[in-house]
Protein backbone atom coordinates (compact mmCIF):
# COMPACT_ATOMS: atom_id res chain seq x y z
CA MET A 1 0.00 0.00 0.00
CA ILE A 2 2.85 2.38 0.86
CA ALA A 3 4.64 1.57 -2.40
CA ARG A 4 1.49 2.41 -4.40
CA ILE A 5 1.82 5.95 -3.06
CA LEU A 6 5.62 6.27 -2.97
CA ILE A 7 6.29 5.26 -6.59
CA PRO A 8 4.03 7.93 -8.21
CA ALA A 9 5.09 10.51 -5.59
CA GLY A 10 8.76 9.81 -6.26
CA ALA A 11 8.28 10.11 -10.02
CA LEU A 12 6.50 13.43 -9.53
CA LEU A 13 9.26 14.71 -7.24
CA CYS A 14 11.85 13.89 -9.90
CA CYS A 15 10.14 16.31 -12.29
CA PHE A 16 11.56 19.22 -10.29
CA PRO A 17 15.00 20.58 -11.27
CA PHE A 18 16.48 20.34 -7.77
CA VAL A 19 16.50 16.52 -8.09
CA SER A 20 19.70 15.30 -9.79
CA THR A 21 20.17 12.17 -11.88
CA GLY A 22 21.98 10.33 -9.10
CA LEU A 23 19.37 11.30 -6.51
CA GLY A 24 16.57 10.15 -8.79
CA LEU A 25 18.15 6.74 -9.26
CA LEU A 26 18.89 6.38 -5.54
CA LEU A 27 15.35 7.38 -4.59
CA GLY A 28 13.83 4.76 -6.89
CA LEU A 29 16.23 2.11 -5.64
CA VAL A 30 15.49 2.81 -1.98
CA ILE A 31 11.73 2.66 -2.52
CA ALA A 32 11.94 -0.57 -4.55
CA LEU A 33 14.16 -2.38 -2.05
CA SER A 34 12.29 -1.20 1.04
CA ALA A 35 8.65 -1.16 -0.08
CA GLY A 36 8.63 -2.98 -3.42
CA ASN A 37 7.15 -1.86 -6.74
CA PRO A 38 3.53 -2.88 -7.41
CA TYR A 39 3.71 -1.18 -10.84
CA LEU A 40 6.74 -3.17 -12.06
CA GLU A 41 5.37 -4.15 -15.48
CA ARG A 42 4.19 -0.60 -16.14
CA THR A 43 7.39 1.07 -14.98
CA ARG A 44 9.51 -1.25 -17.13
CA LYS A 45 7.53 -0.33 -20.24
CA LEU A 46 7.46 3.35 -19.32
CA THR A 47 11.22 3.37 -18.74
CA ALA A 48 11.99 2.37 -22.33
CA ARG A 49 9.56 4.90 -23.81
CA LEU A 50 10.62 7.77 -21.58
CA LEU A 51 14.30 7.07 -22.27
CA ALA A 52 13.68 7.23 -26.02
CA LEU A 53 11.79 10.53 -25.71
CA SER A 54 14.49 11.96 -23.41
CA VAL A 55 17.24 11.13 -25.90
CA VAL A 56 15.28 12.70 -28.76
CA GLY A 57 14.71 15.81 -26.63
CA LEU A 58 18.40 16.07 -25.78
CA GLY A 59 19.13 16.16 -29.50
CA ALA A 60 17.18 19.43 -29.74
CA GLY A 61 19.84 21.12 -27.62
CA MET A 62 22.81 20.00 -29.70
CA ASP A 63 24.64 21.26 -32.77
CA LEU A 64 24.54 18.57 -35.46
CA ARG A 65 27.94 19.65 -36.78
CA VAL A 66 29.46 18.90 -33.37
CA VAL A 67 27.48 15.66 -33.17
CA ALA A 68 28.85 14.49 -36.54
CA ARG A 69 32.42 15.40 -35.64
CA VAL A 70 32.30 13.64 -32.28
CA GLY A 71 30.63 10.55 -33.73
CA ALA A 72 33.32 10.20 -36.39
CA ALA A 73 36.09 10.68 -33.83
CA GLY A 74 34.69 7.93 -31.59
CA ILE A 75 34.23 5.25 -34.27
CA VAL A 76 37.67 3.66 -33.77
CA TYR A 77 37.16 3.43 -30.00
CA THR A 78 33.71 1.92 -30.59
CA VAL A 79 34.88 -0.85 -32.93
CA ILE A 80 37.88 -1.80 -30.80
CA GLY A 81 35.88 -1.56 -27.58
CA ILE A 82 33.04 -3.81 -28.78
CA GLY A 83 35.44 -6.45 -30.10
CA ALA A 84 37.56 -6.46 -26.93
CA ALA A 85 34.53 -6.63 -24.61
CA LEU A 86 33.03 -9.58 -26.46
CA ALA A 87 36.34 -11.46 -26.54
CA LEU A 88 36.99 -10.87 -22.82
CA GLY A 89 33.41 -11.80 -22.02
CA ALA A 90 33.74 -15.13 -23.81
CA LEU A 91 36.95 -15.95 -21.94
CA LEU A 92 35.54 -14.98 -18.55
CA THR A 93 32.30 -16.88 -19.16
CA ARG A 94 34.27 -20.05 -19.74
CA ALA A 95 36.62 -19.38 -16.82
CA PHE A 96 33.80 -18.77 -14.30
CA GLY A 97 31.35 -21.32 -15.70
CA ALA A 98 28.64 -18.65 -15.69
CA GLY A 99 26.58 -20.34 -18.41
CA ARG A 100 26.78 -19.73 -22.14
CA ASN A 101 23.58 -17.72 -22.58
CA VAL A 102 24.05 -15.62 -19.46
CA GLY A 103 27.68 -14.93 -20.39
CA THR A 104 26.70 -13.92 -23.93
CA LEU A 105 23.99 -11.55 -22.67
CA ILE A 106 26.24 -9.89 -20.08
CA SER A 107 29.03 -9.53 -22.63
CA VAL A 108 26.72 -7.96 -25.22
CA GLY A 109 25.22 -5.63 -22.60
CA THR A 110 28.70 -4.51 -21.57
CA ALA A 111 29.94 -4.15 -25.14
CA ILE A 112 27.12 -2.03 -26.57
CA CYS A 113 24.26 -0.57 -24.56
CA GLY A 114 23.15 -2.67 -21.64
CA GLY A 115 19.49 -3.60 -21.43
CA SER A 116 18.66 -2.66 -25.04
CA ALA A 117 21.34 -4.95 -26.45
CA ILE A 118 20.37 -7.76 -24.07
CA ALA A 119 16.71 -7.48 -25.06
CA ALA A 120 17.69 -7.64 -28.74
CA VAL A 121 19.86 -10.74 -28.32
CA VAL A 122 17.53 -12.75 -26.02
CA PRO A 123 15.19 -14.04 -28.79
CA VAL A 124 17.94 -14.94 -31.27
CA ILE A 125 19.86 -17.19 -28.85
CA GLY A 126 16.77 -18.68 -27.23
CA ALA A 127 17.66 -17.45 -23.74
CA LYS A 128 15.33 -18.48 -20.92
CA ASP A 129 13.50 -15.96 -18.76
CA HIS A 130 15.72 -16.52 -15.73
CA GLU A 131 18.86 -16.11 -17.90
CA SER A 132 17.73 -12.75 -19.26
CA THR A 133 16.67 -11.65 -15.77
CA VAL A 134 20.11 -12.47 -14.36
CA ALA A 135 21.87 -10.58 -17.16
CA LEU A 136 19.58 -7.53 -16.92
CA ALA A 137 19.80 -7.36 -13.12
CA THR A 138 23.61 -7.59 -13.25
CA VAL A 139 23.90 -4.83 -15.86
CA PHE A 140 21.37 -2.53 -14.17
CA LEU A 141 23.10 -2.96 -10.83
CA LEU A 142 26.44 -1.94 -12.34
CA ASN A 143 24.74 0.98 -14.11
CA ALA A 144 23.63 2.30 -10.73
CA VAL A 145 27.18 2.02 -9.41
CA ALA A 146 28.61 3.79 -12.48
CA LEU A 147 26.30 6.76 -12.14
CA PHE A 148 27.76 7.55 -8.72
CA VAL A 149 31.36 6.46 -9.31
CA PHE A 150 32.27 7.93 -12.70
CA PRO A 151 31.93 11.71 -12.01
CA PRO A 152 34.11 11.64 -8.83
CA VAL A 153 36.75 9.50 -10.59
CA GLY A 154 36.72 11.88 -13.55
CA HIS A 155 37.27 14.87 -11.28
CA LEU A 156 40.00 13.03 -9.36
CA LEU A 157 41.87 12.40 -12.63
CA SER A 158 41.21 15.98 -13.87
CA LEU A 159 39.45 14.82 -17.05
CA ASP A 160 38.07 17.51 -19.33
CA ASP A 161 34.54 17.46 -20.80
CA ASN A 162 35.64 15.63 -23.96
CA GLN A 163 37.56 12.95 -22.08
CA PHE A 164 34.81 12.31 -19.55
CA GLY A 165 32.06 12.20 -22.19
CA LEU A 166 34.03 9.73 -24.30
CA TRP A 167 34.92 7.54 -21.30
CA ALA A 168 31.33 7.45 -20.02
CA ALA A 169 29.98 6.51 -23.46
CA LEU A 170 32.48 3.69 -23.88
CA ALA A 171 32.46 2.26 -20.35
CA ILE A 172 28.91 2.59 -18.96
CA HIS A 173 26.35 0.04 -20.12
CA ASP A 174 22.96 1.75 -20.61
CA THR A 175 22.26 4.95 -22.53
CA SER A 176 20.27 6.29 -19.59
CA SER A 177 23.19 6.00 -17.17
CA VAL A 178 25.66 7.34 -19.74
CA VAL A 179 23.58 10.46 -20.26
CA GLY A 180 22.84 10.66 -16.53
CA ALA A 181 26.54 10.64 -15.66
CA ALA A 182 27.25 13.20 -18.38
CA VAL A 183 24.46 15.49 -17.16
CA ALA A 184 25.85 15.23 -13.63
CA TRP A 185 29.28 16.20 -15.03
CA GLY A 186 27.95 19.05 -17.15
CA GLY A 187 29.49 21.08 -19.97
CA GLU A 188 30.20 19.56 -23.38
CA ALA A 189 30.29 16.07 -21.88
CA VAL A 190 26.54 15.67 -22.48
CA ALA A 191 26.79 16.14 -26.25
CA ILE A 192 29.89 13.98 -26.53
CA ALA A 193 28.66 11.13 -24.35
CA THR A 194 25.21 11.02 -25.97
CA THR A 195 26.56 11.09 -29.52
CA VAL A 196 29.20 8.41 -29.03
CA LYS A 197 26.77 6.19 -27.11
CA LEU A 198 24.08 6.47 -29.78
CA ALA A 199 26.64 5.70 -32.51
CA ARG A 200 27.62 2.66 -30.45
CA ALA A 201 23.98 1.58 -30.17
CA LEU A 202 23.75 1.35 -33.97
CA TRP A 203 25.82 -1.81 -33.72
CA ILE A 204 22.94 -3.67 -32.05
CA VAL A 205 21.45 -4.89 -35.33
CA PRO A 206 24.59 -6.24 -37.12
CA LEU A 207 25.92 -7.71 -33.88
CA THR A 208 22.63 -9.47 -33.15
CA ILE A 209 22.69 -11.05 -36.61
CA GLY A 210 26.30 -12.11 -36.11
CA ILE A 211 25.60 -13.63 -32.69
CA ALA A 212 22.64 -15.59 -34.05
CA TRP A 213 24.87 -17.03 -36.79
CA TRP A 214 27.69 -17.85 -34.36
CA HIS A 215 25.35 -19.30 -31.74
CA THR A 216 23.76 -21.65 -34.30
CA ARG A 217 27.08 -22.79 -35.77
CA THR A 218 28.50 -23.64 -32.35
CA GLY A 219 25.54 -25.67 -31.17
CA GLY A 220 23.25 -23.10 -29.56
CA ASP A 221 19.47 -23.23 -29.59
CA ALA A 222 18.87 -20.02 -31.48
CA ALA A 223 15.29 -18.87 -31.66
CA GLN A 224 13.71 -16.82 -34.37
CA GLY A 225 13.35 -13.22 -33.36
CA LYS A 226 13.85 -9.74 -34.69
CA PRO A 227 16.38 -7.50 -32.93
CA LYS A 228 15.03 -4.33 -31.42
CA ARG A 229 16.07 -1.36 -33.48
CA PRO A 230 16.92 1.83 -31.61
CA TRP A 231 14.72 4.13 -33.71
CA PHE A 232 15.17 6.96 -31.20
CA ILE A 233 18.61 7.53 -32.77
CA ALA A 234 16.88 8.87 -35.89
CA GLY A 235 14.77 11.15 -33.68
CA PHE A 236 17.90 12.43 -31.94
CA VAL A 237 19.57 13.27 -35.27
CA LEU A 238 16.40 14.88 -36.66
CA ALA A 239 15.93 17.07 -33.57
CA ALA A 240 19.60 18.13 -33.70
CA ALA A 241 19.31 18.89 -37.44
CA LEU A 242 16.24 21.08 -36.97
CA THR A 243 17.79 23.23 -34.26
CA THR A 244 21.11 23.42 -36.14
CA TYR A 245 19.90 24.38 -39.60
CA VAL A 246 16.48 26.00 -39.10
CA PRO A 247 16.89 29.64 -38.07
CA GLY A 248 15.07 30.70 -34.91
CA LEU A 249 14.75 27.26 -33.35
CA GLU A 250 17.77 27.50 -31.05
CA GLU A 251 15.88 28.84 -28.02
CA ALA A 252 13.03 26.38 -28.46
CA GLY A 253 15.58 23.59 -28.78
CA GLU A 254 17.27 24.56 -25.52
CA ALA A 255 13.91 24.60 -23.76
CA VAL A 256 13.09 21.12 -25.07
CA ALA A 257 16.54 19.90 -24.00
CA ARG A 258 15.99 21.20 -20.45
CA VAL A 259 12.72 19.28 -20.22
CA ALA A 260 14.46 16.20 -21.63
CA ARG A 261 17.21 16.37 -19.00
CA GLN A 262 14.62 16.34 -16.24
CA ALA A 263 12.69 13.57 -17.97
CA LEU A 264 15.92 11.61 -17.81
CA VAL A 265 15.92 12.04 -14.01
CA VAL A 266 12.43 10.51 -13.95
CA THR A 267 13.70 7.70 -16.19
CA LEU A 268 16.53 6.94 -13.79
CA PHE A 269 14.07 6.95 -10.89
CA LEU A 270 12.02 4.33 -12.73
CA ILE A 271 15.14 2.27 -13.44
CA GLY A 272 15.92 2.31 -9.71
CA ALA A 273 12.33 1.37 -8.95
CA ASN A 274 12.66 -1.62 -11.27
CA LEU A 275 15.49 -3.08 -9.17
CA THR A 276 13.31 -4.83 -6.62
CA ARG A 277 14.45 -7.63 -4.32
CA ALA A 278 12.74 -10.15 -6.57
CA SER A 279 14.57 -8.92 -9.68
CA LEU A 280 17.95 -8.94 -7.91
CA ALA A 281 17.42 -12.33 -6.24
CA PRO A 282 18.39 -14.46 -9.29
CA VAL A 283 21.79 -12.73 -9.59
CA GLY A 284 24.14 -15.46 -8.44
CA PHE A 285 27.79 -15.15 -7.54
CA ARG A 286 29.25 -16.26 -10.88
CA PRO A 287 27.24 -14.00 -13.25
CA LEU A 288 27.74 -11.03 -10.94
CA LEU A 289 31.48 -11.72 -10.71
CA LEU A 290 31.62 -12.03 -14.50
CA GLY A 291 29.79 -8.74 -14.96
CA VAL A 292 31.89 -6.85 -12.40
CA ILE A 293 35.28 -8.05 -13.69
CA LEU A 294 34.35 -7.55 -17.35
CA TRP A 295 33.05 -4.07 -16.63
CA ALA A 296 36.12 -3.16 -14.56
CA LEU A 297 38.44 -4.31 -17.36
CA VAL A 298 36.50 -2.42 -20.04
CA ALA A 299 36.25 0.75 -17.93
CA SER A 300 39.96 0.67 -17.06
CA ALA A 301 41.07 -0.03 -20.64
CA THR A 302 38.89 2.72 -22.14
CA LEU A 303 40.01 5.21 -19.49
CA GLY A 304 43.63 4.36 -20.27
CA ALA A 305 42.98 4.84 -23.98
CA VAL A 306 41.34 8.21 -23.40
CA LEU A 307 44.24 9.39 -21.22
CA VAL A 308 46.88 8.13 -23.67
CA LYS A 309 45.16 9.99 -26.52
CA ALA A 310 45.19 13.18 -24.43
CA ILE A 311 48.91 12.80 -23.70
CA GLY A 312 49.68 12.00 -27.32
């Protein structure tokens, strides 16, 4: 009964600008773990929709010329990062005996964009419900950690906006947490992190096809399913194009972007509210250890690459 009141009240509170991304996530997490979430199915669906709208709205506040330049600059990091994450994930899955399907899902979620990539791969490898739940819970848990850890680490290492935005986009799983960390950081990091992350998300479709082929050839029980396509990327680019090339839309674009940033806080609240005790219960020691070590290796390697590029 308390949760039926707290969940809507918390979402409403997150609409106000004094609530930050990290606070929104923490608030949702505290409510879910202490009182539960009676609206779990609804909040999960709403999370995906609100995230897509938030990303499109953020595009309205960006210069498409900057977006194109940043996206091109991050392509090499993206290709190398995806390949390395998948290779490491395969090795760690075998080493820890975490289970083939669970290991594949966690690796894909780490390599590209968390829950979206996992949801796209689930049908093509025939993953069971409990396997997808374990992978999603592991990734979402690490997303929550990243949102609080990345900004302080970035400040400790004196990263600039470009370095932090690039690192966040390459090392944090979900688009929501990438943008949330970038918004918490501020400056140009938002445009950089969002652009690189969205460019990375484009790899969902070809990678899903490749995994289905590999999984079938190596004895997996691949199921027929269509990968989810991140159509909100087109909306992001269109919104950025309108405010970049149509005279007089700059102010309106900034207003839309401000609303989108706060909508992202609500999104992160809902993500926290989705992490109930029941959803975290299936996360065993081996999948969690796999996810943590893989994420730590990817985050460390990408941070090193970003720092080496700055020195060079």
